[in-house]
Amino acid sequence: MIHIYVGLAGEGDNIGEGGLLRRAVDSDQWESITDGLPEKPQVRPLLVHPDKPATVYAGTHLGVYRSEDRGDTWEALHCPDEGTDVWSLAFHPSDPDIIFAGHEPCAIYRSTDAGASWQKMDTTRVAYPDVTTYMPPLAKRVIGIAADPSNPSDVYAAVEVGGLLASRDCGDSWDSITDGLYTENHTVDLHGVKLSPAAPGCVFIIAQVAMFRSPDRGAHWQHLRFGEMFPGGSYCRGLVIAPDDPNTVYLAAGAGGGGAPAGTVEAGALFRSRDLGDTWERLDIGDTPPSRMFQVAIPPESPELVFCVSKDGHFYSSDDGGNSWSSSRLPVETSRSLHVYPMACG
């Protein structure tokens, strides 16, 4: 049975209740699954094991937790900097016992034993783009991690208000690969990074106002035009490569926040490309959610199922690959101190 998981959290001065919800795909009932998690858990990344779907990982404000019963109960996976915020989690493409965790302030850990122990990676050479260094008190959080399925030694980390990092030795050491003179931070305020097995060395990143693609491991970048939701761009938050078609990319985006002009009304949308980002279509989900679309999730075992969710909990599901949709609402009252962060399924 496939389940959908949605994490809830606040941020900065607006940290609030937090939580973690679960729903079976054949049910319309969401349930809270926080037994063993910290009180008021700030859940920001989620991972479902690709071979053992009962095993789920959650990153919280007090470290990484693991469940082996689809979230009924949780255990803490202690790392050397226990108690720091975890913002991203990623499996090695060919060995799910290897897990990467991105923290705030910027730190990257790797486990080679399914989370039982963690080693801190070397980020001492990281230097952020100049424009992002004058933005206290914003910390440099590692908001996304992904390895190249065609060359797993290449691992990338997206830093919110900090650009892109790269490792060429499976995470042992890291360097900044976006630097230079910028007049504003919107294009290096990253929200995610993904790679597709269909294009070795091709890196996708999403930012406050745009999406970019590098065909050559981050050496050069192309601005991908998929539709502007406010003058100058769209707020990009969720990015997924379809598990059954590595040429198909889904993007959760929206208006409002980030680099949007003052007074922009928040709204969300889901976009899809079937040619690795060359062309895009805005999917008709039957509605325009009144908040930014935040996440997309597709279960590898049933790729005809596509789910997306907005920041404020408007949930959409398709059982035919995105051609038709149904909508519902998460059973939570969202606010600045509580809104959706991650979604995963399996």
Protein backbone atom coordinates (compact mmCIF):
# COMPACT_ATOMS: atom_id res chain seq x y z
CA MET A 1 0.00 0.00 0.00
CA ILE A 2 1.39 3.38 -1.04
CA HIS A 3 1.39 6.17 1.54
CA ILE A 4 1.87 9.93 1.23
CA TYR A 5 3.79 11.87 3.88
CA VAL A 6 3.70 15.64 4.42
CA GLY A 7 5.95 17.51 6.86
CA LEU A 8 4.99 20.76 8.59
CA ALA A 9 7.21 23.44 10.11
CA GLY A 10 7.82 27.13 10.67
CA GLU A 11 11.03 29.06 10.25
CA GLY A 12 13.12 31.80 11.84
CA ASP A 13 11.03 33.96 14.15
CA ASN A 14 7.92 32.08 13.00
CA ILE A 15 8.73 28.58 14.23
CA GLY A 16 5.45 27.13 15.47
CA GLU A 17 3.76 23.81 16.05
CA GLY A 18 5.27 21.57 13.37
CA GLY A 19 4.13 18.05 12.59
CA LEU A 20 4.04 15.10 10.21
CA LEU A 21 0.97 13.71 8.42
CA ARG A 22 0.34 10.44 6.57
CA ARG A 23 -2.40 9.24 4.23
CA ALA A 24 -2.87 5.97 2.33
CA VAL A 25 -3.58 6.52 -1.37
CA ASP A 26 -6.89 4.65 -1.15
CA SER A 27 -8.06 6.80 1.78
CA ASP A 28 -9.05 10.42 2.20
CA GLN A 29 -8.06 10.53 5.88
CA TRP A 30 -4.84 12.14 7.06
CA GLU A 31 -3.33 11.13 10.41
CA SER A 32 -0.62 12.59 12.61
CA ILE A 33 2.44 10.33 13.00
CA THR A 34 4.79 11.92 15.53
CA ASP A 35 5.36 9.12 18.08
CA GLY A 36 9.06 9.33 18.95
CA LEU A 37 9.68 12.63 17.15
CA PRO A 38 10.61 15.77 19.10
CA GLU A 39 7.83 17.86 20.58
CA LYS A 40 6.42 20.19 17.91
CA PRO A 41 8.71 18.64 15.28
CA GLN A 42 9.89 20.97 12.54
CA VAL A 43 9.89 18.44 9.68
CA ARG A 44 11.62 19.82 6.58
CA PRO A 45 12.95 16.85 4.51
CA LEU A 46 11.46 13.36 4.08
CA LEU A 47 12.81 10.23 2.37
CA VAL A 48 11.11 6.90 1.67
CA HIS A 49 13.49 3.98 1.17
CA PRO A 50 13.42 2.92 -2.52
CA ASP A 51 13.51 -0.81 -1.72
CA LYS A 52 11.83 -0.93 1.70
CA PRO A 53 8.91 1.55 1.66
CA ALA A 54 8.13 0.90 5.32
CA THR A 55 11.40 2.69 6.13
CA VAL A 56 11.02 6.47 6.20
CA TYR A 57 13.53 9.17 7.19
CA ALA A 58 12.58 12.61 8.51
CA GLY A 59 14.84 15.59 9.12
CA THR A 60 13.86 17.80 12.05
CA HIS A 61 15.16 20.72 14.08
CA LEU A 62 16.83 18.16 16.37
CA GLY A 63 18.40 15.90 13.77
CA VAL A 64 17.46 12.92 11.61
CA TYR A 65 14.83 10.35 12.65
CA ARG A 66 13.97 6.97 11.12
CA SER A 67 10.81 4.88 11.13
CA GLU A 68 10.63 1.25 10.04
CA ASP A 69 6.84 1.00 10.27
CA ARG A 70 5.71 3.72 7.84
CA GLY A 71 5.85 6.40 10.52
CA ASP A 72 3.96 4.71 13.34
CA THR A 73 7.05 5.07 15.55
CA TRP A 74 10.33 6.97 15.19
CA GLU A 75 13.88 6.66 16.52
CA ALA A 76 16.56 9.35 16.63
CA LEU A 77 19.69 8.82 14.50
CA HIS A 78 22.36 10.68 16.37
CA CYS A 79 25.07 12.62 14.58
CA PRO A 80 28.04 14.62 15.93
CA ASP A 81 26.17 17.95 15.77
CA GLU A 82 23.02 16.58 17.33
CA GLY A 83 20.35 19.22 17.72
CA THR A 84 21.05 21.22 14.55
CA ASP A 85 18.32 21.82 11.97
CA VAL A 86 18.21 19.30 9.13
CA TRP A 87 16.89 20.78 5.88
CA SER A 88 17.68 18.11 3.28
CA LEU A 89 18.14 14.37 2.91
CA ALA A 90 19.15 12.30 -0.12
CA PHE A 91 20.03 8.71 -0.92
CA HIS A 92 23.04 7.68 -2.97
CA PRO A 93 21.62 6.76 -6.41
CA SER A 94 22.77 3.12 -6.29
CA ASP A 95 23.21 2.41 -2.57
CA PRO A 96 20.40 3.55 -0.23
CA ASP A 97 22.53 2.70 2.80
CA ILE A 98 24.48 5.86 1.91
CA ILE A 99 22.50 8.95 2.97
CA PHE A 100 23.41 12.62 2.79
CA ALA A 101 22.01 15.18 5.25
CA GLY A 102 22.16 18.96 4.82
CA HIS A 103 22.01 21.19 7.89
CA GLU A 104 21.59 24.79 8.98
CA PRO A 105 24.02 26.45 9.47
CA CYS A 106 25.74 24.97 6.43
CA ALA A 107 27.04 21.49 7.15
CA ILE A 108 26.81 18.23 5.22
CA TYR A 109 26.88 14.80 6.81
CA ARG A 110 27.06 11.36 5.24
CA SER A 111 26.03 7.99 6.62
CA THR A 112 27.20 4.74 5.02
CA ASP A 113 25.18 2.47 7.30
CA ALA A 114 21.57 3.58 6.73
CA GLY A 115 21.79 6.32 9.34
CA ALA A 116 23.29 4.40 12.26
CA SER A 117 26.35 6.69 12.25
CA TRP A 118 27.26 9.95 10.51
CA GLN A 119 30.45 11.65 9.38
CA LYS A 120 30.77 15.39 8.82
CA MET A 121 32.03 16.26 5.35
CA ASP A 122 34.62 18.94 4.57
CA THR A 123 33.02 22.27 3.58
CA THR A 124 35.95 24.47 4.61
CA ARG A 125 36.63 25.55 0.99
CA VAL A 126 33.08 26.84 0.44
CA ALA A 127 32.90 30.56 -0.43
CA TYR A 128 29.49 32.10 -1.07
CA PRO A 129 28.65 34.60 -3.83
CA ASP A 130 29.40 38.11 -2.62
CA VAL A 131 25.82 39.32 -2.73
CA THR A 132 24.69 36.68 -0.25
CA THR A 133 27.26 37.48 2.42
CA TYR A 134 25.60 40.71 3.49
CA MET A 135 22.27 39.28 4.60
CA PRO A 136 22.37 38.67 8.34
CA PRO A 137 20.74 37.03 10.17
CA LEU A 138 19.95 34.56 7.36
CA ALA A 139 21.98 31.39 7.89
CA LYS A 140 23.34 29.30 5.04
CA ARG A 141 21.08 26.27 5.03
CA VAL A 142 21.60 23.27 2.75
CA ILE A 143 18.08 23.01 1.38
CA GLY A 144 18.66 20.32 -1.26
CA ILE A 145 21.13 17.53 -2.08
CA ALA A 146 21.34 15.29 -5.15
CA ALA A 147 23.90 12.96 -6.72
CA ASP A 148 24.30 12.32 -10.44
CA PRO A 149 22.80 8.85 -11.15
CA SER A 150 25.28 8.43 -14.01
CA ASN A 151 28.28 9.43 -11.88
CA PRO A 152 27.48 9.20 -8.15
CA SER A 153 30.85 10.69 -7.23
CA ASP A 154 29.34 14.01 -8.33
CA VAL A 155 27.07 15.30 -5.57
CA TYR A 156 25.45 18.76 -5.48
CA ALA A 157 24.04 20.82 -2.62
CA ALA A 158 21.71 23.80 -3.00
CA VAL A 159 22.17 26.51 -0.37
CA GLU A 160 19.34 28.90 0.40
CA VAL A 161 20.83 32.39 -0.03
CA GLY A 162 24.16 30.86 -0.95
CA GLY A 163 24.31 29.26 -4.40
CA LEU A 164 25.34 25.76 -5.43
CA LEU A 165 28.02 23.50 -3.93
CA ALA A 166 29.58 20.49 -5.63
CA SER A 167 31.56 17.47 -4.49
CA ARG A 168 33.55 15.35 -6.93
CA ASP A 169 34.44 12.67 -4.37
CA CYS A 170 31.04 11.39 -3.23
CA GLY A 171 30.70 14.08 -0.58
CA ASP A 172 34.11 13.98 1.08
CA SER A 173 34.87 17.62 0.15
CA TRP A 174 32.85 20.50 -1.27
CA ASP A 175 33.39 23.70 -3.26
CA SER A 176 31.13 26.54 -4.39
CA ILE A 177 30.43 26.43 -8.13
CA THR A 178 28.26 29.56 -8.35
CA ASP A 179 30.19 32.73 -7.65
CA GLY A 180 30.76 36.13 -9.16
CA LEU A 181 29.28 39.62 -9.08
CA TYR A 182 25.51 39.79 -8.66
CA THR A 183 23.30 42.84 -8.21
CA GLU A 184 20.72 40.88 -6.18
CA ASN A 185 20.51 37.46 -4.57
CA HIS A 186 17.38 36.05 -6.21
CA THR A 187 19.19 33.79 -8.67
CA VAL A 188 21.54 32.33 -6.06
CA ASP A 189 18.87 31.95 -3.37
CA LEU A 190 18.36 28.28 -4.20
CA HIS A 191 15.50 25.97 -3.25
CA GLY A 192 16.53 22.67 -4.80
CA VAL A 193 18.78 20.65 -7.10
CA LYS A 194 18.06 17.55 -9.22
CA LEU A 195 19.74 15.40 -11.88
CA SER A 196 18.30 12.96 -14.39
CA PRO A 197 19.77 9.63 -15.54
CA ALA A 198 18.76 10.66 -19.07
CA ALA A 199 21.42 13.40 -19.14
CA PRO A 200 24.73 12.66 -17.39
CA GLY A 201 26.26 15.81 -15.95
CA CYS A 202 23.11 17.88 -16.47
CA VAL A 203 22.19 19.78 -13.29
CA PHE A 204 18.85 21.50 -12.60
CA ILE A 205 18.53 24.15 -9.89
CA ILE A 206 15.52 26.19 -8.78
CA ALA A 207 15.64 29.60 -7.16
CA GLN A 208 13.51 32.47 -5.87
CA VAL A 209 12.68 33.76 -9.33
CA ALA A 210 13.81 31.22 -11.91
CA MET A 211 14.98 27.77 -12.92
CA PHE A 212 18.38 27.02 -14.43
CA ARG A 213 20.06 24.07 -16.15
CA SER A 214 23.73 23.28 -16.60
CA PRO A 215 24.67 20.74 -19.27
CA ASP A 216 28.27 20.47 -18.06
CA ARG A 217 28.35 19.75 -14.30
CA GLY A 218 27.78 23.37 -13.31
CA ALA A 219 30.38 25.05 -15.52
CA HIS A 220 27.78 26.99 -17.55
CA TRP A 221 24.10 27.75 -16.96
CA GLN A 222 20.97 28.23 -19.06
CA HIS A 223 17.86 30.08 -17.87
CA LEU A 224 14.86 27.78 -18.45
CA ARG A 225 11.71 29.72 -19.38
CA PHE A 226 8.56 27.97 -18.19
CA GLY A 227 6.18 30.87 -17.51
CA GLU A 228 6.31 33.97 -15.33
CA MET A 229 3.89 34.11 -12.41
CA PHE A 230 4.94 37.65 -11.52
CA PRO A 231 6.90 40.30 -13.45
CA GLY A 232 10.40 38.93 -13.76
CA GLY A 233 9.90 35.31 -12.83
CA SER A 234 8.27 32.65 -10.68
CA TYR A 235 9.02 31.42 -7.18
CA CYS A 236 10.31 27.83 -7.65
CA ARG A 237 10.10 25.41 -4.74
CA GLY A 238 9.65 21.75 -5.73
CA LEU A 239 11.36 19.75 -8.47
CA VAL A 240 10.95 16.04 -9.35
CA ILE A 241 12.23 13.80 -12.14
CA ALA A 242 9.53 11.30 -13.17
CA PRO A 243 10.62 7.80 -12.03
CA ASP A 244 9.32 6.12 -15.21
CA ASP A 245 10.60 8.70 -17.71
CA PRO A 246 13.88 10.49 -16.93
CA ASN A 247 13.11 13.09 -19.62
CA THR A 248 10.03 14.27 -17.72
CA VAL A 249 10.44 16.96 -15.05
CA TYR A 250 7.77 18.39 -12.74
CA LEU A 251 8.13 21.84 -11.16
CA ALA A 252 6.10 23.29 -8.28
CA ALA A 253 6.08 27.09 -8.55
CA GLY A 254 4.13 30.15 -7.59
CA ALA A 255 3.70 33.88 -7.26
CA GLY A 256 4.37 35.90 -4.15
CA GLY A 257 7.34 35.89 -1.79
CA GLY A 258 11.01 35.83 -2.70
CA GLY A 259 11.80 38.24 -5.49
CA ALA A 260 8.18 39.03 -6.36
CA PRO A 261 7.24 42.72 -6.49
CA ALA A 262 5.44 44.08 -3.45
CA GLY A 263 1.72 43.47 -3.61
CA THR A 264 1.97 40.30 -5.73
CA VAL A 265 -0.92 38.00 -4.84
CA GLU A 266 0.21 34.51 -3.89
CA ALA A 267 -0.85 31.69 -6.20
CA GLY A 268 0.47 28.23 -7.05
CA ALA A 269 0.91 26.16 -10.20
CA LEU A 270 2.37 22.87 -11.42
CA PHE A 271 4.50 22.74 -14.58
CA ARG A 272 5.75 19.78 -16.59
CA SER A 273 8.44 19.29 -19.23
CA ARG A 274 8.76 16.10 -21.29
CA ASP A 275 12.09 17.05 -22.87
CA LEU A 276 14.36 17.77 -19.90
CA GLY A 277 13.33 21.40 -19.64
CA ASP A 278 13.44 22.56 -23.26
CA THR A 279 9.67 23.18 -23.35
CA TRP A 280 7.07 23.39 -20.59
CA GLU A 281 3.32 23.14 -20.07
CA ARG A 282 1.29 24.43 -17.14
CA LEU A 283 -0.89 21.55 -15.99
CA ASP A 284 -4.59 22.14 -15.45
CA ILE A 285 -5.10 20.89 -11.90
CA GLY A 286 -8.66 22.25 -11.85
CA ASP A 287 -7.84 25.07 -9.47
CA THR A 288 -5.40 27.84 -8.66
CA PRO A 289 -4.31 27.42 -5.05
CA PRO A 290 -4.09 30.72 -3.15
CA SER A 291 -0.53 30.00 -2.04
CA ARG A 292 2.67 28.89 -3.75
CA MET A 293 2.88 25.27 -4.88
CA PHE A 294 5.56 23.78 -2.68
CA GLN A 295 6.15 20.12 -3.47
CA VAL A 296 5.62 17.34 -6.02
CA ALA A 297 5.85 13.61 -5.27
CA ILE A 298 5.53 10.50 -7.45
CA PRO A 299 5.76 6.92 -6.08
CA PRO A 300 8.36 4.96 -8.08
CA GLU A 301 6.22 1.80 -8.00
CA SER A 302 3.15 3.62 -9.41
CA PRO A 303 4.37 6.50 -11.58
CA GLU A 304 0.88 7.19 -12.89
CA LEU A 305 0.16 8.71 -9.47
CA VAL A 306 1.25 12.33 -9.17
CA PHE A 307 0.74 14.47 -6.06
CA CYS A 308 1.38 18.14 -5.39
CA VAL A 309 0.72 20.35 -2.38
CA SER A 310 0.77 24.09 -1.76
CA LYS A 311 2.49 25.88 1.09
CA ASP A 312 -0.82 26.30 2.88
CA GLY A 313 -1.96 22.70 2.49
CA HIS A 314 -4.01 22.59 -0.71
CA PHE A 315 -3.48 19.00 -1.87
CA TYR A 316 -3.91 17.71 -5.44
CA SER A 317 -3.73 14.16 -6.76
CA SER A 318 -3.78 12.56 -10.20
CA ASP A 319 -4.08 8.84 -10.96
CA ASP A 320 -3.45 9.16 -14.70
CA GLY A 321 -0.07 10.82 -14.95
CA GLY A 322 -1.31 14.38 -14.53
CA ASN A 323 -4.15 14.42 -17.08
CA SER A 324 -6.94 14.77 -14.51
CA TRP A 325 -6.90 15.87 -10.87
CA SER A 326 -8.84 15.85 -7.62
CA SER A 327 -8.30 18.31 -4.79
CA SER A 328 -8.63 18.37 -1.01
CA ARG A 329 -7.18 20.17 1.99
CA LEU A 330 -4.78 19.04 4.70
CA PRO A 331 -6.45 18.97 8.15
CA VAL A 332 -4.29 21.76 9.60
CA GLU A 333 -4.61 25.49 10.09
CA THR A 334 -1.62 26.96 8.33
CA SER A 335 -0.02 30.30 9.16
CA ARG A 336 3.37 32.00 9.08
CA SER A 337 4.36 29.68 11.93
CA LEU A 338 3.08 26.46 10.36
CA HIS A 339 3.05 25.43 6.73
CA VAL A 340 4.01 22.59 4.42
CA TYR A 341 7.67 21.84 3.74
CA PRO A 342 8.38 18.35 2.34
CA MET A 343 6.22 15.67 0.74
CA ALA A 344 7.23 12.09 -0.09
CA CYS A 345 5.43 8.91 -1.03
CA GLY A 346 6.05 5.19 -1.36
